[in-house]
Amino acid sequence: MKRNTIQRALVLKTVRTLRCHPTADEVFSAVVAGFPTISRGTVYRNLKQLSESGEIQTVEVPGGITHFDHCCERHHHVLCLRCGKVFDVDAHYILGLEKRIRDSRGFTILGYDLTFKGVCPDCIRSSQKMRTRATESSETPNQETRP
């Protein structure tokens, strides 16, 4: 068992406080803001240890950056394809789904992670604002100044 250190407690508290599925870099930035002497390696090592001990959950995004979750109950996530943020999904976790999968390659399925993909409300609003500005600027008549 890993010993509880001040750094480990600080990293855990930060993940729990952020509550936003932060990346390792986001956790490091939050920790270093209050404790400028802590190293990136210390934060990363403690994130790994906290995940291995089950105190936080690692959210692997295929082809993306690993995120960390303060909620360790089994649940699903949704990934915003624009900003890369990860959010919880309000859906029941399907227990035993891995036992229903027939594998033709000889795998023993031990579990699964289900990540939905979409566009988050903030990115949708941002896109709508950009479209509105573009429309407004194209509707404004081009005024030429003459001497």
N, C-alpha and C. Protein backbone atom coordinates (compact mmCIF):
# COMPACT_ATOMS: atom_id res chain seq x y z
N MET A 1 0.83 -1.18 0.00
CA MET A 1 0.00 0.00 0.00
C MET A 1 0.88 1.25 0.00
N LYS A 2 0.45 2.22 -0.75
CA LYS A 2 1.20 3.47 -0.82
C LYS A 2 0.93 4.29 0.43
N ARG A 3 1.95 4.97 0.89
CA ARG A 3 1.75 5.80 2.07
C ARG A 3 1.04 7.09 1.70
N ASN A 4 0.28 7.59 2.63
CA ASN A 4 -0.41 8.86 2.41
C ASN A 4 0.56 10.00 2.68
N THR A 5 0.77 10.80 1.67
CA THR A 5 1.66 11.95 1.82
C THR A 5 0.84 13.22 1.67
N ILE A 6 1.45 14.32 2.03
CA ILE A 6 0.78 15.61 1.88
C ILE A 6 0.48 15.86 0.39
N GLN A 7 1.43 15.51 -0.46
CA GLN A 7 1.26 15.72 -1.90
C GLN A 7 0.10 14.89 -2.45
N ARG A 8 0.03 13.65 -2.00
CA ARG A 8 -1.05 12.76 -2.45
C ARG A 8 -2.40 13.30 -2.02
N ALA A 9 -2.50 13.74 -0.77
CA ALA A 9 -3.75 14.31 -0.26
C ALA A 9 -4.11 15.58 -1.03
N LEU A 10 -3.12 16.37 -1.37
CA LEU A 10 -3.35 17.60 -2.12
C LEU A 10 -3.86 17.31 -3.53
N VAL A 11 -3.28 16.33 -4.19
CA VAL A 11 -3.72 15.96 -5.55
C VAL A 11 -5.15 15.41 -5.49
N LEU A 12 -5.45 14.56 -4.52
CA LEU A 12 -6.79 14.01 -4.38
C LEU A 12 -7.81 15.12 -4.12
N LYS A 13 -7.48 16.02 -3.21
CA LYS A 13 -8.37 17.14 -2.90
C LYS A 13 -8.61 17.99 -4.15
N THR A 14 -7.59 18.20 -4.95
CA THR A 14 -7.72 19.01 -6.16
C THR A 14 -8.65 18.35 -7.17
N VAL A 15 -8.49 17.05 -7.39
CA VAL A 15 -9.37 16.34 -8.32
C VAL A 15 -10.82 16.42 -7.83
N ARG A 16 -11.01 16.23 -6.55
CA ARG A 16 -12.37 16.28 -5.99
C ARG A 16 -12.95 17.69 -6.06
N THR A 17 -12.12 18.69 -5.87
CA THR A 17 -12.58 20.08 -5.91
C THR A 17 -12.91 20.53 -7.33
N LEU A 18 -12.08 20.14 -8.29
CA LEU A 18 -12.30 20.54 -9.68
C LEU A 18 -13.60 19.97 -10.24
N ARG A 19 -13.90 18.72 -9.91
CA ARG A 19 -15.16 18.06 -10.30
C ARG A 19 -15.49 18.19 -11.78
N CYS A 20 -14.48 18.20 -12.63
CA CYS A 20 -14.75 18.44 -14.05
C CYS A 20 -14.02 17.47 -14.97
N HIS A 21 -13.62 16.33 -14.48
CA HIS A 21 -12.86 15.37 -15.27
C HIS A 21 -11.58 16.02 -15.83
N PRO A 22 -10.74 16.56 -14.95
CA PRO A 22 -9.56 17.27 -15.41
C PRO A 22 -8.50 16.33 -16.00
N THR A 23 -7.67 16.90 -16.84
CA THR A 23 -6.49 16.19 -17.34
C THR A 23 -5.38 16.33 -16.30
N ALA A 24 -4.30 15.59 -16.48
CA ALA A 24 -3.17 15.69 -15.56
C ALA A 24 -2.61 17.10 -15.56
N ASP A 25 -2.54 17.74 -16.73
CA ASP A 25 -2.03 19.11 -16.81
C ASP A 25 -2.93 20.08 -16.05
N GLU A 26 -4.24 19.89 -16.13
CA GLU A 26 -5.18 20.77 -15.41
C GLU A 26 -5.04 20.58 -13.91
N VAL A 27 -4.85 19.34 -13.46
CA VAL A 27 -4.64 19.10 -12.03
C VAL A 27 -3.33 19.75 -11.60
N PHE A 28 -2.28 19.57 -12.38
CA PHE A 28 -0.99 20.18 -12.05
C PHE A 28 -1.12 21.70 -11.95
N SER A 29 -1.78 22.33 -12.91
CA SER A 29 -1.94 23.80 -12.88
C SER A 29 -2.68 24.26 -11.63
N ALA A 30 -3.71 23.52 -11.25
CA ALA A 30 -4.48 23.88 -10.05
C ALA A 30 -3.64 23.70 -8.79
N VAL A 31 -2.88 22.62 -8.72
CA VAL A 31 -2.07 22.35 -7.53
C VAL A 31 -0.93 23.36 -7.42
N VAL A 32 -0.24 23.60 -8.53
CA VAL A 32 0.93 24.48 -8.49
C VAL A 32 0.53 25.94 -8.19
N ALA A 33 -0.71 26.30 -8.46
CA ALA A 33 -1.17 27.65 -8.15
C ALA A 33 -1.12 27.91 -6.65
N GLY A 34 -1.37 26.89 -5.86
CA GLY A 34 -1.32 27.03 -4.40
C GLY A 34 -0.02 26.56 -3.78
N PHE A 35 0.67 25.68 -4.49
CA PHE A 35 1.91 25.09 -3.99
C PHE A 35 2.95 25.10 -5.11
N PRO A 36 3.59 26.25 -5.34
CA PRO A 36 4.47 26.41 -6.50
C PRO A 36 5.70 25.52 -6.51
N THR A 37 6.04 24.88 -5.39
CA THR A 37 7.24 24.05 -5.37
C THR A 37 6.98 22.60 -5.77
N ILE A 38 5.72 22.22 -5.93
CA ILE A 38 5.41 20.83 -6.29
C ILE A 38 5.79 20.59 -7.75
N SER A 39 6.33 19.43 -8.05
CA SER A 39 6.76 19.14 -9.42
C SER A 39 5.66 18.44 -10.21
N ARG A 40 5.76 18.58 -11.52
CA ARG A 40 4.82 17.92 -12.42
C ARG A 40 4.87 16.40 -12.21
N GLY A 41 6.06 15.86 -12.06
CA GLY A 41 6.23 14.42 -11.86
C GLY A 41 5.54 13.94 -10.59
N THR A 42 5.61 14.72 -9.54
CA THR A 42 4.95 14.36 -8.28
C THR A 42 3.44 14.30 -8.47
N VAL A 43 2.88 15.28 -9.16
CA VAL A 43 1.43 15.30 -9.41
C VAL A 43 1.04 14.10 -10.27
N TYR A 44 1.78 13.86 -11.35
CA TYR A 44 1.45 12.75 -12.25
C TYR A 44 1.56 11.41 -11.54
N ARG A 45 2.61 11.24 -10.76
CA ARG A 45 2.82 9.98 -10.02
C ARG A 45 1.68 9.75 -9.04
N ASN A 46 1.25 10.80 -8.35
CA ASN A 46 0.16 10.67 -7.39
C ASN A 46 -1.18 10.42 -8.08
N LEU A 47 -1.41 11.01 -9.24
CA LEU A 47 -2.63 10.71 -10.00
C LEU A 47 -2.67 9.22 -10.35
N LYS A 48 -1.54 8.69 -10.79
CA LYS A 48 -1.46 7.27 -11.14
C LYS A 48 -1.73 6.40 -9.91
N GLN A 49 -1.12 6.73 -8.79
CA GLN A 49 -1.31 5.95 -7.57
C GLN A 49 -2.75 6.04 -7.06
N LEU A 50 -3.34 7.22 -7.12
CA LEU A 50 -4.73 7.39 -6.68
C LEU A 50 -5.69 6.59 -7.56
N SER A 51 -5.39 6.54 -8.84
CA SER A 51 -6.21 5.78 -9.77
C SER A 51 -6.06 4.28 -9.51
N GLU A 52 -4.84 3.83 -9.31
CA GLU A 52 -4.59 2.41 -9.04
C GLU A 52 -5.23 1.96 -7.73
N SER A 53 -5.30 2.86 -6.75
CA SER A 53 -5.89 2.50 -5.46
C SER A 53 -7.41 2.63 -5.45
N GLY A 54 -7.98 3.16 -6.54
CA GLY A 54 -9.43 3.29 -6.65
C GLY A 54 -10.00 4.54 -5.99
N GLU A 55 -9.14 5.46 -5.59
CA GLU A 55 -9.63 6.69 -4.96
C GLU A 55 -10.13 7.70 -5.99
N ILE A 56 -9.64 7.60 -7.21
CA ILE A 56 -10.15 8.36 -8.34
C ILE A 56 -10.23 7.40 -9.51
N GLN A 57 -10.92 7.80 -10.54
CA GLN A 57 -11.08 6.95 -11.72
C GLN A 57 -10.34 7.59 -12.90
N THR A 58 -9.70 6.76 -13.69
CA THR A 58 -9.07 7.22 -14.92
C THR A 58 -10.08 7.07 -16.05
N VAL A 59 -10.24 8.12 -16.83
CA VAL A 59 -11.14 8.09 -17.99
C VAL A 59 -10.27 8.15 -19.23
N GLU A 60 -10.12 7.01 -19.88
CA GLU A 60 -9.31 6.93 -21.09
C GLU A 60 -10.17 7.34 -22.28
N VAL A 61 -9.72 8.33 -23.02
CA VAL A 61 -10.43 8.78 -24.21
C VAL A 61 -9.66 8.25 -25.41
N PRO A 62 -10.26 7.36 -26.20
CA PRO A 62 -9.54 6.80 -27.35
C PRO A 62 -8.98 7.90 -28.24
N GLY A 63 -7.68 7.83 -28.48
CA GLY A 63 -7.02 8.82 -29.32
C GLY A 63 -6.90 10.18 -28.68
N GLY A 64 -7.18 10.27 -27.38
CA GLY A 64 -7.17 11.57 -26.71
C GLY A 64 -6.36 11.56 -25.45
N ILE A 65 -6.60 12.55 -24.64
CA ILE A 65 -5.88 12.75 -23.39
C ILE A 65 -6.63 12.05 -22.25
N THR A 66 -5.89 11.48 -21.31
CA THR A 66 -6.49 10.84 -20.15
C THR A 66 -7.05 11.91 -19.21
N HIS A 67 -8.24 11.65 -18.71
CA HIS A 67 -8.90 12.53 -17.74
C HIS A 67 -9.05 11.77 -16.43
N PHE A 68 -9.33 12.50 -15.36
CA PHE A 68 -9.49 11.89 -14.04
C PHE A 68 -10.85 12.28 -13.48
N ASP A 69 -11.47 11.33 -12.78
CA ASP A 69 -12.82 11.52 -12.29
C ASP A 69 -12.84 11.29 -10.78
N HIS A 70 -13.42 12.22 -10.05
CA HIS A 70 -13.53 12.08 -8.60
C HIS A 70 -14.59 11.05 -8.21
N CYS A 71 -15.53 10.78 -9.11
CA CYS A 71 -16.61 9.83 -8.85
C CYS A 71 -16.17 8.43 -9.29
N CYS A 72 -16.10 7.53 -8.36
CA CYS A 72 -15.61 6.18 -8.67
C CYS A 72 -16.72 5.16 -8.86
N GLU A 73 -17.96 5.60 -8.75
CA GLU A 73 -19.07 4.68 -9.06
C GLU A 73 -19.06 4.44 -10.57
N ARG A 74 -19.44 3.25 -10.98
CA ARG A 74 -19.44 2.92 -12.41
C ARG A 74 -20.49 3.76 -13.12
N HIS A 75 -20.04 4.48 -14.14
CA HIS A 75 -20.93 5.32 -14.92
C HIS A 75 -20.30 5.60 -16.28
N HIS A 76 -21.07 6.16 -17.17
CA HIS A 76 -20.61 6.45 -18.53
C HIS A 76 -20.27 7.92 -18.67
N HIS A 77 -19.59 8.23 -19.78
CA HIS A 77 -19.15 9.59 -20.04
C HIS A 77 -19.51 10.00 -21.46
N VAL A 78 -19.46 11.31 -21.69
CA VAL A 78 -19.60 11.87 -23.03
C VAL A 78 -18.43 12.82 -23.25
N LEU A 79 -17.84 12.72 -24.43
CA LEU A 79 -16.69 13.53 -24.83
C LEU A 79 -17.14 14.57 -25.83
N CYS A 80 -16.82 15.85 -25.55
CA CYS A 80 -17.11 16.90 -26.53
C CYS A 80 -16.03 16.85 -27.61
N LEU A 81 -16.45 16.67 -28.84
CA LEU A 81 -15.51 16.55 -29.95
C LEU A 81 -14.87 17.88 -30.34
N ARG A 82 -15.40 18.98 -29.82
CA ARG A 82 -14.83 20.30 -30.13
C ARG A 82 -13.79 20.74 -29.10
N CYS A 83 -14.18 20.73 -27.82
CA CYS A 83 -13.26 21.24 -26.79
C CYS A 83 -12.49 20.14 -26.07
N GLY A 84 -12.91 18.89 -26.22
CA GLY A 84 -12.20 17.77 -25.59
C GLY A 84 -12.55 17.51 -24.14
N LYS A 85 -13.52 18.25 -23.59
CA LYS A 85 -13.91 18.04 -22.20
C LYS A 85 -14.76 16.77 -22.08
N VAL A 86 -14.71 16.17 -20.90
CA VAL A 86 -15.45 14.95 -20.61
C VAL A 86 -16.49 15.26 -19.54
N PHE A 87 -17.69 14.72 -19.71
CA PHE A 87 -18.79 14.94 -18.78
C PHE A 87 -19.42 13.59 -18.42
N ASP A 88 -20.09 13.54 -17.26
CA ASP A 88 -20.84 12.35 -16.88
C ASP A 88 -22.12 12.28 -17.69
N VAL A 89 -22.59 11.06 -17.93
CA VAL A 89 -23.85 10.82 -18.63
C VAL A 89 -24.84 10.28 -17.61
N ASP A 90 -26.05 10.80 -17.65
CA ASP A 90 -27.10 10.29 -16.77
C ASP A 90 -27.74 9.08 -17.44
N ALA A 91 -27.11 7.94 -17.26
CA ALA A 91 -27.62 6.68 -17.81
C ALA A 91 -27.18 5.56 -16.88
N HIS A 92 -28.02 4.57 -16.75
CA HIS A 92 -27.68 3.44 -15.89
C HIS A 92 -26.53 2.64 -16.50
N TYR A 93 -25.61 2.27 -15.65
CA TYR A 93 -24.50 1.42 -16.06
C TYR A 93 -25.06 0.02 -16.26
N ILE A 94 -24.76 -0.60 -17.37
CA ILE A 94 -25.31 -1.92 -17.69
C ILE A 94 -24.38 -2.99 -17.10
N LEU A 95 -24.78 -3.50 -15.96
CA LEU A 95 -23.97 -4.53 -15.30
C LEU A 95 -23.97 -5.81 -16.12
N GLY A 96 -22.81 -6.43 -16.23
CA GLY A 96 -22.71 -7.71 -16.91
C GLY A 96 -22.67 -7.65 -18.41
N LEU A 97 -22.62 -6.44 -18.99
CA LEU A 97 -22.58 -6.33 -20.44
C LEU A 97 -21.39 -7.08 -21.03
N GLU A 98 -20.27 -7.02 -20.35
CA GLU A 98 -19.06 -7.69 -20.85
C GLU A 98 -19.25 -9.20 -20.95
N LYS A 99 -20.15 -9.77 -20.16
CA LYS A 99 -20.40 -11.21 -20.20
C LYS A 99 -21.27 -11.59 -21.40
N ARG A 100 -21.97 -10.61 -21.94
CA ARG A 100 -22.84 -10.87 -23.10
C ARG A 100 -22.11 -10.76 -24.43
N ILE A 101 -20.88 -10.29 -24.39
CA ILE A 101 -20.11 -10.11 -25.62
C ILE A 101 -19.48 -11.43 -26.02
N ARG A 102 -19.70 -11.80 -27.26
CA ARG A 102 -19.06 -13.01 -27.80
C ARG A 102 -17.79 -12.58 -28.52
N ASP A 103 -16.69 -13.13 -28.09
CA ASP A 103 -15.42 -12.75 -28.69
C ASP A 103 -14.86 -13.89 -29.51
N SER A 104 -14.55 -13.61 -30.76
CA SER A 104 -14.03 -14.65 -31.65
C SER A 104 -12.51 -14.70 -31.66
N ARG A 105 -11.85 -13.84 -30.90
CA ARG A 105 -10.40 -13.79 -30.93
C ARG A 105 -9.76 -14.38 -29.67
N GLY A 106 -10.55 -14.89 -28.75
CA GLY A 106 -10.00 -15.53 -27.57
C GLY A 106 -9.82 -14.63 -26.36
N PHE A 107 -10.32 -13.41 -26.41
CA PHE A 107 -10.20 -12.51 -25.27
C PHE A 107 -11.10 -12.97 -24.13
N THR A 108 -10.65 -12.72 -22.92
CA THR A 108 -11.52 -12.81 -21.76
C THR A 108 -11.86 -11.37 -21.43
N ILE A 109 -13.10 -11.00 -21.63
CA ILE A 109 -13.53 -9.62 -21.41
C ILE A 109 -13.69 -9.39 -19.92
N LEU A 110 -12.99 -8.41 -19.39
CA LEU A 110 -13.00 -8.13 -17.96
C LEU A 110 -13.87 -6.93 -17.58
N GLY A 111 -14.14 -6.07 -18.52
CA GLY A 111 -14.93 -4.88 -18.23
C GLY A 111 -15.04 -4.03 -19.47
N TYR A 112 -15.66 -2.88 -19.30
CA TYR A 112 -15.79 -1.98 -20.44
C TYR A 112 -15.97 -0.55 -19.96
N ASP A 113 -15.64 0.37 -20.84
CA ASP A 113 -15.90 1.79 -20.63
C ASP A 113 -16.67 2.25 -21.84
N LEU A 114 -17.73 2.98 -21.60
CA LEU A 114 -18.55 3.47 -22.70
C LEU A 114 -18.48 4.99 -22.69
N THR A 115 -17.95 5.56 -23.78
CA THR A 115 -17.85 7.00 -23.90
C THR A 115 -18.64 7.43 -25.13
N PHE A 116 -19.64 8.26 -24.90
CA PHE A 116 -20.41 8.81 -26.00
C PHE A 116 -19.65 10.01 -26.56
N LYS A 117 -19.95 10.40 -27.77
CA LYS A 117 -19.31 11.55 -28.41
C LYS A 117 -20.38 12.53 -28.84
N GLY A 118 -20.08 13.80 -28.70
CA GLY A 118 -21.04 14.83 -29.09
C GLY A 118 -20.40 16.20 -28.99
N VAL A 119 -21.24 17.22 -28.93
CA VAL A 119 -20.79 18.60 -28.79
C VAL A 119 -21.48 19.18 -27.55
N CYS A 120 -20.70 19.75 -26.65
CA CYS A 120 -21.24 20.25 -25.38
C CYS A 120 -22.01 21.56 -25.59
N PRO A 121 -22.87 21.90 -24.64
CA PRO A 121 -23.67 23.13 -24.76
C PRO A 121 -22.83 24.39 -24.94
N ASP A 122 -21.68 24.49 -24.25
CA ASP A 122 -20.83 25.68 -24.40
C ASP A 122 -20.31 25.81 -25.82
N CYS A 123 -19.90 24.71 -26.42
CA CYS A 123 -19.39 24.75 -27.80
C CYS A 123 -20.51 25.04 -28.79
N ILE A 124 -21.70 24.54 -28.53
CA ILE A 124 -22.85 24.84 -29.40
C ILE A 124 -23.15 26.33 -29.34
N ARG A 125 -23.19 26.90 -28.12
CA ARG A 125 -23.45 28.34 -27.98
C ARG A 125 -22.37 29.15 -28.67
N SER A 126 -21.13 28.74 -28.51
CA SER A 126 -20.01 29.45 -29.14
C SER A 126 -20.15 29.43 -30.66
N SER A 127 -20.53 28.30 -31.22
CA SER A 127 -20.72 28.19 -32.67
C SER A 127 -21.87 29.07 -33.14
N GLN A 128 -22.94 29.10 -32.34
CA GLN A 128 -24.09 29.93 -32.71
C GLN A 128 -23.73 31.41 -32.69
N LYS A 129 -22.94 31.83 -31.70
CA LYS A 129 -22.51 33.22 -31.62
C LYS A 129 -21.64 33.58 -32.82
N MET A 130 -20.74 32.67 -33.20
CA MET A 130 -19.87 32.93 -34.35
C MET A 130 -20.69 33.04 -35.63
N ARG A 131 -21.70 32.19 -35.79
CA ARG A 131 -22.56 32.25 -36.98
C ARG A 131 -23.36 33.55 -37.00
N THR A 132 -23.84 33.96 -35.82
CA THR A 132 -24.61 35.20 -35.73
C THR A 132 -23.74 36.39 -36.11
N ARG A 133 -22.51 36.43 -35.60
CA ARG A 133 -21.59 37.53 -35.94
C ARG A 133 -21.28 37.54 -37.43
N ALA A 134 -21.06 36.38 -37.99
CA ALA A 134 -20.75 36.29 -39.42
C ALA A 134 -21.93 36.79 -40.25
N THR A 135 -23.14 36.41 -39.85
CA THR A 135 -24.34 36.84 -40.57
C THR A 135 -24.51 38.34 -40.45
N GLU A 136 -24.32 38.88 -39.24
CA GLU A 136 -24.47 40.32 -39.04
C GLU A 136 -23.45 41.11 -39.84
N SER A 137 -22.22 40.63 -39.91
CA SER A 137 -21.19 41.37 -40.64
C SER A 137 -21.41 41.29 -42.15
N SER A 138 -22.01 40.19 -42.63
CA SER A 138 -22.27 40.10 -44.07
C SER A 138 -23.50 40.90 -44.47
N GLU A 139 -24.40 41.18 -43.50
CA GLU A 139 -25.59 41.98 -43.79
C GLU A 139 -25.33 43.46 -43.71
N THR A 140 -24.23 43.87 -43.06
CA THR A 140 -23.90 45.29 -42.95
C THR A 140 -23.39 45.77 -44.30
N PRO A 141 -24.03 46.78 -44.89
CA PRO A 141 -23.58 47.26 -46.19
C PRO A 141 -22.18 47.84 -46.11
N ASN A 142 -21.44 47.61 -47.14
CA ASN A 142 -20.09 48.11 -47.22
C ASN A 142 -20.16 49.60 -47.59
N GLN A 143 -19.78 50.43 -46.66
CA GLN A 143 -19.85 51.87 -46.92
C GLN A 143 -18.51 52.37 -47.40
N GLU A 144 -18.53 52.96 -48.57
CA GLU A 144 -17.30 53.51 -49.11
C GLU A 144 -17.24 54.99 -48.72
N THR A 145 -16.07 55.42 -48.38
CA THR A 145 -15.92 56.85 -48.09
C THR A 145 -15.35 57.53 -49.30
N ARG A 146 -15.95 58.67 -49.66
CA ARG A 146 -15.50 59.43 -50.83
C ARG A 146 -15.00 60.79 -50.38
N PRO A 147 -13.96 61.27 -51.05
CA PRO A 147 -13.44 62.58 -50.68
C PRO A 147 -14.34 63.71 -51.06
